[in-house]
């Protein structure tokens, strides 16, 4: 199983929309996909797709439901693990609650080709935990000074605190591919100078009125407007992601994800 984190240094850069559309693209290509809303207290994947979950991760952590029992079906058959929204108790989980969440993942019984982890924004501990447990980390940023600064801060923290050395950059809401490459260049020049990381570039998603329409309709743009510029760019991102996995098979899968969650959870608890 391929495990991909979609994350960002700040909110408002379109991270969840990227995670949703990437999941749908992979499913359209015949993959079995699970989309995990890992923003535990401010989940919004369900809102992005117009879904109304009866149960969410709160019920898994409390022991009321299993992870498979809270799964929702989304477009193209993707399975969604919904997070709670506006529940402050989900921010700081106890030792037993963290153990319960890890155990829930280990008990999944069906085949999964790709687990897409939509993390929260920023550099808090849950973002570090879920991001560093994944094989690939896609950092979503846009061409604004605060977005670039916060993307660098996230990469710096994941590198120095969690030992992550490999990142992929996705430029979102840009005018064209050239602007996307320039944005990547700005970020990579700083990381090359100050950090021991490898920064890859997975593409650019253009500003697109059809993407805005899809968001308003609570739908994936690759489904409702598949010929739009943004949908075409997102389909290209899915292909690039698949190719990246074929070239980096050394570690990964659900076992690695769970092992890393245990390691990072233990680190956080000791601190």
C-alpha atoms as a PDB file:
ATOM      1  CA  UNK A   1       0.000   0.000   0.000  1.00  0.00           C
ATOM      2  CA  UNK A   2       1.214   3.488  -0.874  1.00  0.00           C
ATOM      3  CA  UNK A   3       0.812   6.044   1.934  1.00  0.00           C
ATOM      4  CA  UNK A   4       0.811   9.733   0.978  1.00  0.00           C
ATOM      5  CA  UNK A   5       0.516  12.750   3.269  1.00  0.00           C
ATOM      6  CA  UNK A   6      -0.981  15.927   1.813  1.00  0.00           C
ATOM      7  CA  UNK A   7      -0.002  18.746   4.118  1.00  0.00           C
ATOM      8  CA  UNK A   8       0.705  22.481   4.269  1.00  0.00           C
ATOM      9  CA  UNK A   9       2.356  25.061   6.467  1.00  0.00           C
ATOM     10  CA  UNK A  10      -0.765  27.217   6.603  1.00  0.00           C
ATOM     11  CA  UNK A  11      -4.485  26.908   5.990  1.00  0.00           C
ATOM     12  CA  UNK A  12      -6.294  28.265   2.969  1.00  0.00           C
ATOM     13  CA  UNK A  13      -3.932  26.883   0.309  1.00  0.00           C
ATOM     14  CA  UNK A  14      -6.317  24.197  -0.971  1.00  0.00           C
ATOM     15  CA  UNK A  15      -4.752  21.196   0.765  1.00  0.00           C
ATOM     16  CA  UNK A  16      -7.971  19.254   1.398  1.00  0.00           C
ATOM     17  CA  UNK A  17      -9.201  19.885  -2.139  1.00  0.00           C
ATOM     18  CA  UNK A  18      -5.930  18.442  -3.467  1.00  0.00           C
ATOM     19  CA  UNK A  19      -6.247  15.378  -1.207  1.00  0.00           C
ATOM     20  CA  UNK A  20      -9.849  14.765  -2.308  1.00  0.00           C
ATOM     21  CA  UNK A  21      -9.135  15.084  -6.028  1.00  0.00           C
ATOM     22  CA  UNK A  22      -5.929  13.045  -5.856  1.00  0.00           C
ATOM     23  CA  UNK A  23      -7.896  10.260  -4.162  1.00  0.00           C
ATOM     24  CA  UNK A  24     -10.616  10.362  -6.817  1.00  0.00           C
ATOM     25  CA  UNK A  25      -8.038  10.357  -9.638  1.00  0.00           C
ATOM     26  CA  UNK A  26      -6.306   7.280  -8.226  1.00  0.00           C
ATOM     27  CA  UNK A  27      -9.673   5.535  -7.825  1.00  0.00           C
ATOM     28  CA  UNK A  28     -10.592   6.380 -11.430  1.00  0.00           C
ATOM     29  CA  UNK A  29      -7.344   4.662 -12.430  1.00  0.00           C
ATOM     30  CA  UNK A  30      -8.564   1.468 -10.761  1.00  0.00           C
ATOM     31  CA  UNK A  31      -6.874   1.812  -7.366  1.00  0.00           C
ATOM     32  CA  UNK A  32      -8.501   0.958  -4.048  1.00  0.00           C
ATOM     33  CA  UNK A  33      -8.176   4.232  -2.106  1.00  0.00           C
ATOM     34  CA  UNK A  34      -8.753   5.267   1.505  1.00  0.00           C
ATOM     35  CA  UNK A  35      -8.798   9.000   2.286  1.00  0.00           C
ATOM     36  CA  UNK A  36      -8.008   9.646   5.949  1.00  0.00           C
ATOM     37  CA  UNK A  37      -9.048  13.030   7.356  1.00  0.00           C
ATOM     38  CA  UNK A  38      -6.219  13.440   9.860  1.00  0.00           C
ATOM     39  CA  UNK A  39      -7.210  16.924  11.038  1.00  0.00           C
ATOM     40  CA  UNK A  40      -8.694  15.234  14.093  1.00  0.00           C
ATOM     41  CA  UNK A  41     -10.588  18.171  15.597  1.00  0.00           C
ATOM     42  CA  UNK A  42     -11.333  20.252  12.488  1.00  0.00           C
ATOM     43  CA  UNK A  43     -12.069  17.665   9.833  1.00  0.00           C
ATOM     44  CA  UNK A  44     -13.587  18.899   6.580  1.00  0.00           C
ATOM     45  CA  UNK A  45     -13.158  16.171   3.952  1.00  0.00           C
ATOM     46  CA  UNK A  46     -16.817  15.231   4.434  1.00  0.00           C
ATOM     47  CA  UNK A  47     -17.846  18.868   3.914  1.00  0.00           C
ATOM     48  CA  UNK A  48     -15.747  19.113   0.745  1.00  0.00           C
ATOM     49  CA  UNK A  49     -17.740  16.200  -0.689  1.00  0.00           C
ATOM     50  CA  UNK A  50     -21.158  17.076   0.741  1.00  0.00           C
ATOM     51  CA  UNK A  51     -21.248  14.008   2.990  1.00  0.00           C
ATOM     52  CA  UNK A  52     -22.820  13.723   6.440  1.00  0.00           C
ATOM     53  CA  UNK A  53     -21.058  11.098   8.563  1.00  0.00           C
ATOM     54  CA  UNK A  54     -23.089   9.408  11.275  1.00  0.00           C
ATOM     55  CA  UNK A  55     -19.907   8.311  13.046  1.00  0.00           C
ATOM     56  CA  UNK A  56     -16.332   9.613  12.999  1.00  0.00           C
ATOM     57  CA  UNK A  57     -12.966   9.036  14.666  1.00  0.00           C
ATOM     58  CA  UNK A  58     -14.364  10.044  18.066  1.00  0.00           C
ATOM     59  CA  UNK A  59     -16.415   6.856  18.059  1.00  0.00           C
ATOM     60  CA  UNK A  60     -13.390   4.751  17.124  1.00  0.00           C
ATOM     61  CA  UNK A  61     -11.212   6.223  19.858  1.00  0.00           C
ATOM     62  CA  UNK A  62     -14.002   5.760  22.439  1.00  0.00           C
ATOM     63  CA  UNK A  63     -14.389   2.123  21.379  1.00  0.00           C
ATOM     64  CA  UNK A  64     -17.979   2.556  20.192  1.00  0.00           C
ATOM     65  CA  UNK A  65     -17.159   1.724  16.553  1.00  0.00           C
ATOM     66  CA  UNK A  66     -14.368   0.093  14.565  1.00  0.00           C
ATOM     67  CA  UNK A  67     -12.512   1.995  11.856  1.00  0.00           C
ATOM     68  CA  UNK A  68     -14.244  -0.042   9.161  1.00  0.00           C
ATOM     69  CA  UNK A  69     -17.660   0.768  10.675  1.00  0.00           C
ATOM     70  CA  UNK A  70     -17.179   4.545  10.304  1.00  0.00           C
ATOM     71  CA  UNK A  71     -15.932   4.404   6.709  1.00  0.00           C
ATOM     72  CA  UNK A  72     -17.972   6.415   4.219  1.00  0.00           C
ATOM     73  CA  UNK A  73     -18.080   5.838   0.485  1.00  0.00           C
ATOM     74  CA  UNK A  74     -17.164   8.781  -1.690  1.00  0.00           C
ATOM     75  CA  UNK A  75     -16.937   9.399  -5.448  1.00  0.00           C
ATOM     76  CA  UNK A  76     -15.467   6.595  -7.575  1.00  0.00           C
ATOM     77  CA  UNK A  77     -15.754   4.279  -4.576  1.00  0.00           C
ATOM     78  CA  UNK A  78     -13.073   5.911  -2.413  1.00  0.00           C
ATOM     79  CA  UNK A  79     -13.419   5.080   1.285  1.00  0.00           C
ATOM     80  CA  UNK A  80     -13.261   8.043   3.678  1.00  0.00           C
ATOM     81  CA  UNK A  81     -12.244   8.011   7.338  1.00  0.00           C
ATOM     82  CA  UNK A  82     -14.042  11.108   8.686  1.00  0.00           C
ATOM     83  CA  UNK A  83     -12.599  13.199  11.496  1.00  0.00           C
ATOM     84  CA  UNK A  84     -14.674  15.107  14.027  1.00  0.00           C
ATOM     85  CA  UNK A  85     -15.215  18.835  13.677  1.00  0.00           C
ATOM     86  CA  UNK A  86     -15.141  21.353  16.510  1.00  0.00           C
ATOM     87  CA  UNK A  87     -14.379  18.728  19.168  1.00  0.00           C
ATOM     88  CA  UNK A  88     -11.582  20.084  21.371  1.00  0.00           C
ATOM     89  CA  UNK A  89     -11.003  16.757  23.133  1.00  0.00           C
ATOM     90  CA  UNK A  90      -9.569  15.377  19.884  1.00  0.00           C
ATOM     91  CA  UNK A  91      -6.658  17.807  19.994  1.00  0.00           C
ATOM     92  CA  UNK A  92      -4.771  16.161  22.879  1.00  0.00           C
ATOM     93  CA  UNK A  93      -5.354  12.424  22.953  1.00  0.00           C
ATOM     94  CA  UNK A  94      -4.435  10.370  26.014  1.00  0.00           C
ATOM     95  CA  UNK A  95      -2.032   7.421  25.942  1.00  0.00           C
ATOM     96  CA  UNK A  96      -4.882   4.904  25.688  1.00  0.00           C
ATOM     97  CA  UNK A  97      -6.665   6.955  23.015  1.00  0.00           C
ATOM     98  CA  UNK A  98      -3.539   7.131  20.847  1.00  0.00           C
ATOM     99  CA  UNK A  99      -3.060   3.393  21.293  1.00  0.00           C
ATOM    100  CA  UNK A 100      -6.679   2.807  20.291  1.00  0.00           C
ATOM    101  CA  UNK A 101      -6.264   4.833  17.099  1.00  0.00           C
ATOM    102  CA  UNK A 102      -3.102   2.940  16.126  1.00  0.00           C
ATOM    103  CA  UNK A 103      -4.781  -0.385  16.887  1.00  0.00           C
ATOM    104  CA  UNK A 104      -7.764   0.594  14.723  1.00  0.00           C
ATOM    105  CA  UNK A 105      -5.506   0.979  11.685  1.00  0.00           C
ATOM    106  CA  UNK A 106      -3.826  -2.350  12.346  1.00  0.00           C
ATOM    107  CA  UNK A 107      -7.229  -4.077  12.263  1.00  0.00           C
ATOM    108  CA  UNK A 108      -8.184  -3.024   8.731  1.00  0.00           C
ATOM    109  CA  UNK A 109      -9.006  -6.201   6.805  1.00  0.00           C
ATOM    110  CA  UNK A 110      -9.585  -5.132   3.200  1.00  0.00           C
ATOM    111  CA  UNK A 111      -7.037  -4.508   0.450  1.00  0.00           C
ATOM    112  CA  UNK A 112      -5.919  -0.901  -0.050  1.00  0.00           C
ATOM    113  CA  UNK A 113      -3.655   0.361  -2.834  1.00  0.00           C
ATOM    114  CA  UNK A 114      -3.303   3.924  -1.552  1.00  0.00           C
ATOM    115  CA  UNK A 115      -3.901   5.660   1.774  1.00  0.00           C
ATOM    116  CA  UNK A 116      -4.126   9.444   1.351  1.00  0.00           C
ATOM    117  CA  UNK A 117      -3.619  11.285   4.652  1.00  0.00           C
ATOM    118  CA  UNK A 118      -5.055  14.804   4.700  1.00  0.00           C
ATOM    119  CA  UNK A 119      -3.262  16.324   7.694  1.00  0.00           C
ATOM    120  CA  UNK A 120      -4.056  19.509   9.535  1.00  0.00           C
ATOM    121  CA  UNK A 121      -2.203  22.676   8.535  1.00  0.00           C
ATOM    122  CA  UNK A 122       0.768  23.994  10.486  1.00  0.00           C
ATOM    123  CA  UNK A 123       3.470  22.365  12.592  1.00  0.00           C
ATOM    124  CA  UNK A 124       1.645  20.960  15.619  1.00  0.00           C
ATOM    125  CA  UNK A 125       2.423  17.481  16.897  1.00  0.00           C
ATOM    126  CA  UNK A 126      -0.401  15.669  15.090  1.00  0.00           C
ATOM    127  CA  UNK A 127       0.757  17.114  11.754  1.00  0.00           C
ATOM    128  CA  UNK A 128       4.299  15.937  12.498  1.00  0.00           C
ATOM    129  CA  UNK A 129       3.063  12.492  13.578  1.00  0.00           C
ATOM    130  CA  UNK A 130       0.869  11.738  10.573  1.00  0.00           C
ATOM    131  CA  UNK A 131       3.164  13.354   7.990  1.00  0.00           C
ATOM    132  CA  UNK A 132       6.316  11.581   9.111  1.00  0.00           C
ATOM    133  CA  UNK A 133       4.499   8.218   9.190  1.00  0.00           C
ATOM    134  CA  UNK A 134       3.887   8.392   5.425  1.00  0.00           C
ATOM    135  CA  UNK A 135       6.095   7.267   2.562  1.00  0.00           C
ATOM    136  CA  UNK A 136       5.567  10.463   0.599  1.00  0.00           C
ATOM    137  CA  UNK A 137       4.859  13.968   1.842  1.00  0.00           C
ATOM    138  CA  UNK A 138       3.278  16.425  -0.587  1.00  0.00           C
ATOM    139  CA  UNK A 139       3.637  19.994   0.698  1.00  0.00           C
ATOM    140  CA  UNK A 140       0.971  22.230  -0.841  1.00  0.00           C
ATOM    141  CA  UNK A 141       1.855  25.901  -1.143  1.00  0.00           C
ATOM    142  CA  UNK A 142       0.839  28.927  -3.180  1.00  0.00           C
ATOM    143  CA  UNK A 143       2.738  31.956  -4.409  1.00  0.00           C
ATOM    144  CA  UNK A 144       2.315  34.180  -1.361  1.00  0.00           C
ATOM    145  CA  UNK A 145       5.109  35.157   1.059  1.00  0.00           C
ATOM    146  CA  UNK A 146       3.294  33.747   4.116  1.00  0.00           C
ATOM    147  CA  UNK A 147       2.515  30.469   2.362  1.00  0.00           C
ATOM    148  CA  UNK A 148       6.121  29.995   1.239  1.00  0.00           C
ATOM    149  CA  UNK A 149       7.491  30.925   4.675  1.00  0.00           C
ATOM    150  CA  UNK A 150       5.122  28.532   6.428  1.00  0.00           C
ATOM    151  CA  UNK A 151       5.877  25.732   3.938  1.00  0.00           C
ATOM    152  CA  UNK A 152       9.579  26.158   4.719  1.00  0.00           C
ATOM    153  CA  UNK A 153       8.835  26.120   8.465  1.00  0.00           C
ATOM    154  CA  UNK A 154       6.908  22.849   8.095  1.00  0.00           C
ATOM    155  CA  UNK A 155       9.704  21.213   6.083  1.00  0.00           C
ATOM    156  CA  UNK A 156      12.263  22.433   8.623  1.00  0.00           C
ATOM    157  CA  UNK A 157      10.339  20.991  11.593  1.00  0.00           C
ATOM    158  CA  UNK A 158       9.684  17.646   9.887  1.00  0.00           C
ATOM    159  CA  UNK A 159      13.355  17.429   8.931  1.00  0.00           C
ATOM    160  CA  UNK A 160      14.890  18.420  12.255  1.00  0.00           C
ATOM    161  CA  UNK A 161      12.335  16.981  14.658  1.00  0.00           C
ATOM    162  CA  UNK A 162      11.230  13.874  12.749  1.00  0.00           C
ATOM    163  CA  UNK A 163      14.189  13.093  10.505  1.00  0.00           C
ATOM    164  CA  UNK A 164      12.265  13.424   7.247  1.00  0.00           C
ATOM    165  CA  UNK A 165      14.573  14.098   4.311  1.00  0.00           C
ATOM    166  CA  UNK A 166      12.346  13.775   1.278  1.00  0.00           C
ATOM    167  CA  UNK A 167       9.484  16.064   0.299  1.00  0.00           C
ATOM    168  CA  UNK A 168       7.405  16.803  -2.783  1.00  0.00           C
ATOM    169  CA  UNK A 169       6.217  20.338  -3.505  1.00  0.00           C
ATOM    170  CA  UNK A 170       2.904  21.099  -5.189  1.00  0.00           C
ATOM    171  CA  UNK A 171       2.283  24.658  -6.331  1.00  0.00           C
ATOM    172  CA  UNK A 172      -1.424  25.466  -6.064  1.00  0.00           C
ATOM    173  CA  UNK A 173      -3.521  28.351  -7.413  1.00  0.00           C
ATOM    174  CA  UNK A 174      -0.861  29.541  -9.849  1.00  0.00           C
ATOM    175  CA  UNK A 175      -1.338  31.247 -13.221  1.00  0.00           C
ATOM    176  CA  UNK A 176       0.663  28.694 -15.198  1.00  0.00           C
ATOM    177  CA  UNK A 177       3.334  25.990 -15.038  1.00  0.00           C
ATOM    178  CA  UNK A 178       6.128  28.575 -15.240  1.00  0.00           C
ATOM    179  CA  UNK A 179       4.888  30.295 -12.083  1.00  0.00           C
ATOM    180  CA  UNK A 180       4.658  26.893 -10.403  1.00  0.00           C
ATOM    181  CA  UNK A 181       8.289  26.111 -11.258  1.00  0.00           C
ATOM    182  CA  UNK A 182       9.360  29.539 -10.022  1.00  0.00           C
ATOM    183  CA  UNK A 183       7.551  28.967  -6.729  1.00  0.00           C
ATOM    184  CA  UNK A 184       9.294  25.615  -6.323  1.00  0.00           C
ATOM    185  CA  UNK A 185      12.618  27.341  -7.091  1.00  0.00           C
ATOM    186  CA  UNK A 186      12.083  29.920  -4.351  1.00  0.00           C
ATOM    187  CA  UNK A 187      11.476  27.201  -1.792  1.00  0.00           C
ATOM    188  CA  UNK A 188      14.216  24.851  -2.936  1.00  0.00           C
ATOM    189  CA  UNK A 189      16.885  27.572  -2.893  1.00  0.00           C
ATOM    190  CA  UNK A 190      16.211  28.163   0.801  1.00  0.00           C
ATOM    191  CA  UNK A 191      16.033  24.470   1.728  1.00  0.00           C
ATOM    192  CA  UNK A 192      19.220  23.720  -0.235  1.00  0.00           C
ATOM    193  CA  UNK A 193      21.013  26.398   1.737  1.00  0.00           C
ATOM    194  CA  UNK A 194      19.817  25.616   5.254  1.00  0.00           C
ATOM    195  CA  UNK A 195      18.440  22.043   5.387  1.00  0.00           C
ATOM    196  CA  UNK A 196      19.607  18.530   4.586  1.00  0.00           C
ATOM    197  CA  UNK A 197      16.570  17.575   2.487  1.00  0.00           C
ATOM    198  CA  UNK A 198      15.671  16.551  -1.039  1.00  0.00           C
ATOM    199  CA  UNK A 199      12.858  18.646  -2.486  1.00  0.00           C
ATOM    200  CA  UNK A 200      11.016  17.244  -5.495  1.00  0.00           C
ATOM    201  CA  UNK A 201       8.461  18.984  -7.681  1.00  0.00           C
ATOM    202  CA  UNK A 202       5.188  17.211  -8.504  1.00  0.00           C
ATOM    203  CA  UNK A 203       3.474  19.937 -10.493  1.00  0.00           C
ATOM    204  CA  UNK A 204       1.227  22.975 -10.427  1.00  0.00           C
ATOM    205  CA  UNK A 205      -2.543  23.356 -10.186  1.00  0.00           C
ATOM    206  CA  UNK A 206      -3.787  26.485 -12.003  1.00  0.00           C
ATOM    207  CA  UNK A 207      -6.369  28.974 -10.817  1.00  0.00           C
ATOM    208  CA  UNK A 208      -9.547  27.829 -12.464  1.00  0.00           C
ATOM    209  CA  UNK A 209     -13.151  29.031 -12.288  1.00  0.00           C
ATOM    210  CA  UNK A 210     -14.309  25.434 -12.708  1.00  0.00           C
ATOM    211  CA  UNK A 211     -12.411  24.402  -9.604  1.00  0.00           C
ATOM    212  CA  UNK A 212     -14.180  27.171  -7.678  1.00  0.00           C
ATOM    213  CA  UNK A 213     -17.530  25.944  -9.045  1.00  0.00           C
ATOM    214  CA  UNK A 214     -16.740  22.374  -7.974  1.00  0.00           C
ATOM    215  CA  UNK A 215     -15.884  23.551  -4.457  1.00  0.00           C
ATOM    216  CA  UNK A 216     -19.193  25.402  -4.249  1.00  0.00           C
ATOM    217  CA  UNK A 217     -20.973  22.237  -5.432  1.00  0.00           C
ATOM    218  CA  UNK A 218     -19.090  20.174  -2.810  1.00  0.00           C
ATOM    219  CA  UNK A 219     -17.755  17.930  -5.551  1.00  0.00           C
ATOM    220  CA  UNK A 220     -14.397  16.804  -6.920  1.00  0.00           C
ATOM    221  CA  UNK A 221     -13.507  18.885  -9.979  1.00  0.00           C
ATOM    222  CA  UNK A 222     -12.048  15.812 -11.704  1.00  0.00           C
ATOM    223  CA  UNK A 223     -15.546  14.328 -11.656  1.00  0.00           C
ATOM    224  CA  UNK A 224     -17.793  17.258 -12.470  1.00  0.00           C
ATOM    225  CA  UNK A 225     -15.474  19.205 -14.793  1.00  0.00           C
ATOM    226  CA  UNK A 226     -12.940  16.621 -16.033  1.00  0.00           C
ATOM    227  CA  UNK A 227     -11.844  18.716 -19.030  1.00  0.00           C
ATOM    228  CA  UNK A 228     -11.031  21.821 -16.994  1.00  0.00           C
ATOM    229  CA  UNK A 229      -7.435  22.997 -16.616  1.00  0.00           C
ATOM    230  CA  UNK A 230      -7.374  22.186 -12.917  1.00  0.00           C
ATOM    231  CA  UNK A 231      -8.787  18.677 -13.429  1.00  0.00           C
ATOM    232  CA  UNK A 232      -6.218  17.928 -16.115  1.00  0.00           C
ATOM    233  CA  UNK A 233      -3.429  19.110 -13.806  1.00  0.00           C
ATOM    234  CA  UNK A 234      -4.756  16.970 -10.940  1.00  0.00           C
ATOM    235  CA  UNK A 235      -4.897  13.882 -13.173  1.00  0.00           C
ATOM    236  CA  UNK A 236      -1.281  14.580 -14.132  1.00  0.00           C
ATOM    237  CA  UNK A 237      -0.429  14.820 -10.413  1.00  0.00           C
ATOM    238  CA  UNK A 238      -1.942  11.369  -9.820  1.00  0.00           C
ATOM    239  CA  UNK A 239       0.203   9.889 -12.618  1.00  0.00           C
ATOM    240  CA  UNK A 240       3.319  11.606 -11.261  1.00  0.00           C
ATOM    241  CA  UNK A 241       2.576  10.253  -7.793  1.00  0.00           C
ATOM    242  CA  UNK A 242       2.201   6.701  -9.091  1.00  0.00           C
ATOM    243  CA  UNK A 243       5.491   6.967 -10.983  1.00  0.00           C
ATOM    244  CA  UNK A 244       7.227   8.257  -7.866  1.00  0.00           C
ATOM    245  CA  UNK A 245       6.120   5.195  -5.916  1.00  0.00           C
ATOM    246  CA  UNK A 246       7.429   2.860  -8.564  1.00  0.00           C
ATOM    247  CA  UNK A 247      10.877   4.403  -8.108  1.00  0.00           C
ATOM    248  CA  UNK A 248      10.872   4.400  -4.264  1.00  0.00           C
ATOM    249  CA  UNK A 249       9.806   1.016  -2.948  1.00  0.00           C
ATOM    250  CA  UNK A 250      12.342   0.594  -0.137  1.00  0.00           C
ATOM    251  CA  UNK A 251       9.931   1.150   2.754  1.00  0.00           C
ATOM    252  CA  UNK A 252       6.228   1.615   3.075  1.00  0.00           C
ATOM    253  CA  UNK A 253       2.797   0.149   3.393  1.00  0.00           C
ATOM    254  CA  UNK A 254       0.349   0.040   6.244  1.00  0.00           C
ATOM    255  CA  UNK A 255       2.838  -1.734   8.528  1.00  0.00           C
ATOM    256  CA  UNK A 256       5.349   1.101   8.128  1.00  0.00           C
ATOM    257  CA  UNK A 257       2.608   3.680   8.720  1.00  0.00           C
ATOM    258  CA  UNK A 258       1.519   1.989  11.957  1.00  0.00           C
ATOM    259  CA  UNK A 259       5.114   1.483  13.119  1.00  0.00           C
ATOM    260  CA  UNK A 260       5.873   5.173  12.577  1.00  0.00           C
ATOM    261  CA  UNK A 261       2.684   6.211  14.383  1.00  0.00           C
ATOM    262  CA  UNK A 262       3.754   4.124  17.379  1.00  0.00           C
ATOM    263  CA  UNK A 263       7.245   5.634  17.314  1.00  0.00           C
ATOM    264  CA  UNK A 264       6.041   9.229  16.981  1.00  0.00           C
ATOM    265  CA  UNK A 265       3.254   8.699  19.520  1.00  0.00           C
ATOM    266  CA  UNK A 266       5.754   7.339  22.005  1.00  0.00           C
ATOM    267  CA  UNK A 267       8.066  10.281  21.403  1.00  0.00           C
ATOM    268  CA  UNK A 268       5.243  12.730  22.022  1.00  0.00           C
ATOM    269  CA  UNK A 269       4.097  11.012  25.185  1.00  0.00           C
ATOM    270  CA  UNK A 270       7.602  10.982  26.646  1.00  0.00           C
ATOM    271  CA  UNK A 271       7.916  14.679  25.948  1.00  0.00           C
END
